[in-house]
Each structure stands twice: as C-alpha cells, then as structure tokens.
C-alpha cells in the first residue's frame, strides 16, 4: 500500500495520499491528506468537508456538532430534527455529506435519502443509526446511501466514514 506507484507515501507508518482522485473537490481520501500541495494550483486550497446532521434527537445533533467541529477537515453546516426541515434547507445550501438517522418521525431516513439523492445528487448520505440490522442496511444502500455507521461506533470510525463517503467511497460500519 505505502508505495509511490500506488499514489501513497508513508510517514511514521501512516499512509498519506499523495494525489487526489478529483482535484475539484480537494477532499482527502480516508484519513490521508495530500503529502504536498505543490501538485495543485496555488489558488486551490484544501477545504473542510461540509456536513448536515439530521436526527430527531437534539442531544445527538449537539453532541455530533461538538465532536466533529473540532476536526481539522470537517465543518458542521447545520442540524435538523426532521427530514422535511433538512430538505427545505438543502434547496438553498449544499453540503458534501448528510449524516441521517434512519428512524425519525414524519419522514424516515430511507425516504430522506431518496429525496436527497434526487435533490442533491452530488451529496453523499451516511446513515447514522443505533440499529445493526441487515435489512435496514440494504434498504438505505438501495435508497442511495453511501455508507452506514452504528451510533455506538467511536469518533475515529465516524471521521473515517465521513472522509470515505465525501471522497466518493462506500463505508459500512465495522459493527454492521
């Protein structure tokens, strides 16, 4: 993995991505960061991954904001307790990733994901739920989710999941 011909360099045995797949997004893949900015145009800087949180529990929204806003590569744009409120906001704003709870009143995460994929096809959806249920995982993926993470996962796994789906990858929780 840590070989220049694979596009990776190693610093203290941690792989660091040397080049990005899509220089327009400037989003690092996984936990890696570009080893040199000299390979990008001077006007292009790394930007933070923008996040929208949708969960019917305000404590979860507040906790995720506190946890993730401290990350160097992540910025929380907004949080909403329902799918319809999130969709209304998305009509006027863009984000890289939506963290969406599955079980919510009014509109569940599966329907929310379908509508986000229609409204914002370039936005990745990462399902965030307490359920470790293969049927729910399948339904979310079929609806267009790029990943699935269990709420009991650690912050490192959540950060990895966000970076992976923001870069166009797929992520399934280690607990799934």
Protein backbone atom coordinates (compact mmCIF):
# COMPACT_ATOMS: atom_id res chain seq x y z
CA UNK A 1 0.00 0.00 0.00
CA UNK A 2 2.66 2.55 1.02
CA UNK A 3 4.45 2.74 -2.30
CA UNK A 4 4.76 5.78 -4.60
CA UNK A 5 3.49 3.80 -7.59
CA UNK A 6 0.20 3.30 -5.69
CA UNK A 7 -0.09 7.04 -5.05
CA UNK A 8 0.69 6.75 -1.33
CA UNK A 9 3.58 7.84 0.85
CA UNK A 10 4.19 6.72 4.42
CA UNK A 11 5.08 8.95 7.31
CA UNK A 12 5.58 7.06 10.58
CA UNK A 13 3.78 4.06 9.05
CA UNK A 14 0.58 6.07 8.43
CA UNK A 15 -0.39 6.11 4.75
CA UNK A 16 -0.74 9.61 3.33
CA UNK A 17 -2.37 10.15 -0.03
CA UNK A 18 -0.05 11.89 -2.49
CA UNK A 19 -2.69 12.77 -5.10
CA UNK A 20 -6.45 13.22 -5.07
CA UNK A 21 -8.79 11.49 -7.49
CA UNK A 22 -10.82 14.66 -8.04
CA UNK A 23 -8.81 17.85 -7.58
CA UNK A 24 -12.03 19.89 -7.91
CA UNK A 25 -13.32 18.67 -4.56
CA UNK A 26 -9.99 18.75 -2.68
CA UNK A 27 -11.31 16.14 -0.25
CA UNK A 28 -8.72 13.74 1.13
CA UNK A 29 -9.49 10.05 0.84
CA UNK A 30 -9.88 8.15 4.12
CA UNK A 31 -7.65 9.54 6.84
CA UNK A 32 -4.89 10.53 4.41
CA UNK A 33 -4.02 14.06 3.45
CA UNK A 34 -2.09 15.25 0.43
CA UNK A 35 1.64 14.99 1.09
CA UNK A 36 2.38 18.09 -0.95
CA UNK A 37 0.19 20.99 -2.01
CA UNK A 38 2.70 21.88 -4.73
CA UNK A 39 0.99 19.46 -7.11
CA UNK A 40 -2.20 21.57 -7.01
CA UNK A 41 -2.77 25.05 -8.45
CA UNK A 42 -1.82 27.80 -5.99
CA UNK A 43 -5.39 29.13 -5.83
CA UNK A 44 -6.74 25.75 -4.73
CA UNK A 45 -6.63 25.03 -1.01
CA UNK A 46 -7.88 22.05 0.92
CA UNK A 47 -11.35 22.76 2.18
CA UNK A 48 -13.27 21.24 5.01
CA UNK A 49 -15.89 18.58 4.38
CA UNK A 50 -19.26 20.24 4.93
CA UNK A 51 -21.80 18.25 6.94
CA UNK A 52 -25.55 18.40 7.57
CA UNK A 53 -26.87 16.36 10.52
CA UNK A 54 -30.46 15.06 10.54
CA UNK A 55 -31.57 13.30 13.72
CA UNK A 56 -34.78 13.58 15.73
CA UNK A 57 -32.80 13.78 18.98
CA UNK A 58 -31.35 17.24 19.64
CA UNK A 59 -28.79 15.75 22.03
CA UNK A 60 -27.34 13.68 19.15
CA UNK A 61 -27.16 16.75 16.89
CA UNK A 62 -25.47 18.83 19.61
CA UNK A 63 -23.09 16.01 20.52
CA UNK A 64 -22.05 15.42 16.91
CA UNK A 65 -21.52 19.16 16.40
CA UNK A 66 -19.28 19.31 19.47
CA UNK A 67 -17.37 16.20 18.42
CA UNK A 68 -16.92 16.96 14.73
CA UNK A 69 -16.39 20.73 14.76
CA UNK A 70 -13.08 20.07 16.47
CA UNK A 71 -11.85 18.08 13.45
CA UNK A 72 -9.46 19.86 11.09
CA UNK A 73 -11.14 18.62 7.91
CA UNK A 74 -14.82 18.74 8.93
CA UNK A 75 -17.29 21.62 9.29
CA UNK A 76 -20.88 21.23 10.50
CA UNK A 77 -23.15 23.49 8.46
CA UNK A 78 -26.48 22.76 10.16
CA UNK A 79 -28.53 20.23 12.07
CA UNK A 80 -32.25 19.49 11.86
CA UNK A 81 -34.62 17.19 13.79
CA UNK A 82 -36.63 16.15 10.72
CA UNK A 83 -36.29 15.22 7.08
CA UNK A 84 -38.62 17.91 5.72
CA UNK A 85 -36.65 20.67 7.51
CA UNK A 86 -33.38 19.29 6.14
CA UNK A 87 -34.76 19.10 2.59
CA UNK A 88 -36.03 22.68 2.80
CA UNK A 89 -32.55 23.83 3.89
CA UNK A 90 -30.88 21.78 1.13
CA UNK A 91 -32.89 23.64 -1.51
CA UNK A 92 -30.74 26.72 -0.78
CA UNK A 93 -27.48 25.17 0.51
CA UNK A 94 -25.04 22.45 -0.48
CA UNK A 95 -23.05 20.07 1.68
CA UNK A 96 -20.67 17.23 0.97
CA UNK A 97 -22.23 14.74 3.41
CA UNK A 98 -25.55 14.33 5.18
CA UNK A 99 -25.47 12.28 8.40
CA UNK A 100 -29.01 10.90 8.55
CA UNK A 101 -30.72 8.93 11.30
CA UNK A 102 -32.94 6.15 9.94
CA UNK A 103 -35.79 6.09 12.46
CA UNK A 104 -37.37 9.53 12.58
CA UNK A 105 -40.98 10.65 12.77
CA UNK A 106 -42.62 12.40 9.81
CA UNK A 107 -40.02 11.12 7.29
CA UNK A 108 -37.66 8.21 7.92
CA UNK A 109 -34.03 8.21 6.82
CA UNK A 110 -34.69 5.90 3.90
CA UNK A 111 -37.19 8.29 2.30
CA UNK A 112 -34.98 11.25 3.21
CA UNK A 113 -32.04 9.57 1.45
CA UNK A 114 -34.12 9.00 -1.71
CA UNK A 115 -35.13 12.64 -1.79
CA UNK A 116 -31.61 13.92 -1.09
CA UNK A 117 -30.23 11.80 -3.95
CA UNK A 118 -32.81 13.38 -6.27
CA UNK A 119 -32.39 16.95 -5.00
CA UNK A 120 -28.60 16.85 -4.47
CA UNK A 121 -27.08 14.00 -6.49
CA UNK A 122 -23.51 15.02 -5.56
CA UNK A 123 -24.19 14.88 -1.81
CA UNK A 124 -23.24 11.67 -0.03
CA UNK A 125 -25.57 10.28 2.63
CA UNK A 126 -24.14 8.45 5.62
CA UNK A 127 -26.75 6.59 7.66
CA UNK A 128 -26.20 7.05 11.38
CA UNK A 129 -28.32 4.73 13.49
CA UNK A 130 -28.46 2.55 16.57
CA UNK A 131 -29.77 -0.40 14.53
CA UNK A 132 -27.42 -3.17 13.44
CA UNK A 133 -29.97 -4.68 11.08
CA UNK A 134 -29.02 -6.12 7.69
CA UNK A 135 -32.43 -5.29 6.24
CA UNK A 136 -32.09 -1.61 7.18
CA UNK A 137 -28.56 -1.51 5.79
CA UNK A 138 -29.81 -2.91 2.48
CA UNK A 139 -32.74 -0.50 2.32
CA UNK A 140 -30.52 2.52 3.00
CA UNK A 141 -27.98 1.45 0.38
CA UNK A 142 -30.77 0.81 -2.15
CA UNK A 143 -32.13 4.31 -1.40
CA UNK A 144 -28.73 5.76 -2.30
CA UNK A 145 -26.77 5.97 0.96
CA UNK A 146 -23.00 5.81 0.54
CA UNK A 147 -22.47 4.36 3.96
CA UNK A 148 -23.84 3.14 7.24
CA UNK A 149 -22.45 3.62 10.74
CA UNK A 150 -23.73 2.44 14.09
CA UNK A 151 -24.15 5.12 16.79
CA UNK A 152 -22.09 3.05 19.21
CA UNK A 153 -19.03 3.44 16.91
CA UNK A 154 -16.11 5.55 18.04
CA UNK A 155 -15.25 9.02 16.81
CA UNK A 156 -12.29 7.76 14.75
CA UNK A 157 -14.57 5.41 12.81
CA UNK A 158 -17.12 8.18 12.27
CA UNK A 159 -14.43 10.51 10.94
CA UNK A 160 -13.13 7.78 8.64
CA UNK A 161 -16.68 7.12 7.39
CA UNK A 162 -17.28 10.80 6.66
CA UNK A 163 -13.98 11.18 4.80
CA UNK A 164 -14.58 7.98 2.83
CA UNK A 165 -18.09 8.87 1.60
CA UNK A 166 -17.11 12.51 0.95
CA UNK A 167 -14.42 11.22 -1.39
CA UNK A 168 -16.95 9.09 -3.28
CA UNK A 169 -16.28 5.82 -1.49
CA UNK A 170 -18.55 3.42 0.37
CA UNK A 171 -18.38 2.75 4.09
CA UNK A 172 -20.01 0.06 6.23
CA UNK A 173 -19.62 0.18 9.97
CA UNK A 174 -17.28 -2.39 11.44
CA UNK A 175 -20.16 -3.41 13.72
CA UNK A 176 -22.57 -3.93 10.81
